[in-house]
Amino acid sequence: MALFEGKEKISRKEFRDVFRKRNPILLGTGRKLFDIKERTKIEDKLFGKQVLGFTSKDKYERFVSRMRVDKYKAKDLNQKQIIDKKVKFLKKL
């Protein structure tokens, strides 16, 4: 089940449903990779403040590449590993 499945754009509701259902649990901690605050921040970055917004595949890929840049800017190795896990998860969606 791919995120875009051959579509040019997806709605905020579709993204939210897929993102919430496929959010993995981190081993050893028992918590989700993305908590609710992080999920809403990602939604706001992708869709803006529009309630019924849509996002394109290109915009999503640019967002993931910006996260990859943030990984290299992180100073702590632990932060880099967490960001790397998040980037890998978002690329799999």
Protein backbone atom coordinates (compact mmCIF):
# COMPACT_ATOMS: atom_id res chain seq x y z
CA MET A 1 0.00 0.00 0.00
CA ALA A 2 1.84 3.05 -1.26
CA LEU A 3 1.02 6.53 -0.07
CA PHE A 4 0.25 8.01 -3.48
CA GLU A 5 -0.74 4.79 -5.35
CA GLY A 6 -0.44 6.34 -8.81
CA LYS A 7 -2.18 9.57 -7.78
CA GLU A 8 -0.76 13.03 -8.36
CA LYS A 9 -2.12 14.43 -5.08
CA ILE A 10 -3.49 13.11 -1.80
CA SER A 11 -5.76 14.75 0.73
CA ARG A 12 -4.87 15.56 4.30
CA LYS A 13 -7.32 12.91 5.56
CA GLU A 14 -5.76 10.17 3.41
CA PHE A 15 -2.27 11.12 4.60
CA ARG A 16 -3.37 11.22 8.24
CA ASP A 17 -5.00 7.79 8.06
CA VAL A 18 -2.03 6.09 6.38
CA PHE A 19 0.49 7.86 8.59
CA ARG A 20 -1.31 6.95 11.81
CA LYS A 21 -1.87 3.30 10.88
CA ARG A 22 1.68 2.61 9.67
CA ASN A 23 3.54 4.46 12.48
CA PRO A 24 5.97 1.84 13.87
CA ILE A 25 6.77 1.17 17.52
CA LEU A 26 10.41 1.66 18.52
CA LEU A 27 12.02 -1.43 19.99
CA GLY A 28 13.15 -1.13 23.58
CA THR A 29 11.12 1.98 24.32
CA GLY A 30 7.59 0.85 23.47
CA ARG A 31 6.68 4.25 22.04
CA LYS A 32 5.76 5.21 18.52
CA LEU A 33 8.35 6.68 16.14
CA PHE A 34 6.22 9.80 15.64
CA ASP A 35 4.14 11.14 18.52
CA ILE A 36 0.99 13.20 17.94
CA LYS A 37 2.80 16.54 18.08
CA GLU A 38 5.34 15.48 15.45
CA ARG A 39 2.61 14.10 13.19
CA THR A 40 0.68 17.36 13.33
CA LYS A 41 3.86 19.36 12.63
CA ILE A 42 4.56 17.23 9.57
CA GLU A 43 0.96 17.65 8.39
CA ASP A 44 1.19 21.42 8.82
CA LYS A 45 4.44 21.57 6.84
CA LEU A 46 3.03 19.48 4.01
CA PHE A 47 -0.51 20.88 3.83
CA GLY A 48 -0.25 24.30 5.45
CA LYS A 49 -3.13 25.53 7.57
CA GLN A 50 -5.76 24.43 5.04
CA VAL A 51 -8.18 21.97 6.59
CA LEU A 52 -9.07 20.30 3.29
CA GLY A 53 -5.66 20.69 1.69
CA PHE A 54 -3.92 18.48 -0.81
CA THR A 55 -0.23 17.75 -1.30
CA SER A 56 1.65 16.55 -4.34
CA LYS A 57 4.23 13.82 -4.63
CA ASP A 58 6.94 16.39 -5.45
CA LYS A 59 6.20 18.42 -2.34
CA TYR A 60 6.34 15.27 -0.21
CA GLU A 61 9.70 14.26 -1.69
CA ARG A 62 11.12 17.76 -1.06
CA PHE A 63 9.97 17.51 2.57
CA VAL A 64 11.75 14.16 3.00
CA SER A 65 14.93 15.54 1.44
CA ARG A 66 14.82 18.53 3.83
CA MET A 67 14.59 16.08 6.73
CA ARG A 68 17.67 14.34 5.35
CA VAL A 69 19.51 17.67 5.42
CA ASP A 70 18.39 18.16 9.04
CA LYS A 71 19.96 14.81 9.87
CA TYR A 72 23.37 16.10 8.82
CA LYS A 73 22.88 19.31 10.77
CA ALA A 74 22.08 17.45 14.02
CA LYS A 75 24.94 17.52 16.50
CA ASP A 76 24.14 14.48 18.60
CA LEU A 77 24.58 10.95 17.19
CA ASN A 78 21.36 9.81 18.86
CA GLN A 79 19.39 12.58 17.13
CA LYS A 80 20.93 11.64 13.80
CA GLN A 81 19.87 8.02 14.24
CA ILE A 82 16.30 8.98 15.13
CA ILE A 83 16.04 11.36 12.17
CA ASP A 84 17.48 8.64 9.93
CA LYS A 85 14.78 6.19 11.10
CA LYS A 86 12.11 8.80 10.43
CA VAL A 87 13.44 9.52 6.94
CA LYS A 88 13.52 5.81 6.09
CA PHE A 89 9.95 5.39 7.35
CA LEU A 90 8.69 8.39 5.37
CA LYS A 91 10.39 7.12 2.22
CA LYS A 92 8.66 3.73 2.62
CA LEU A 93 5.23 5.33 2.84
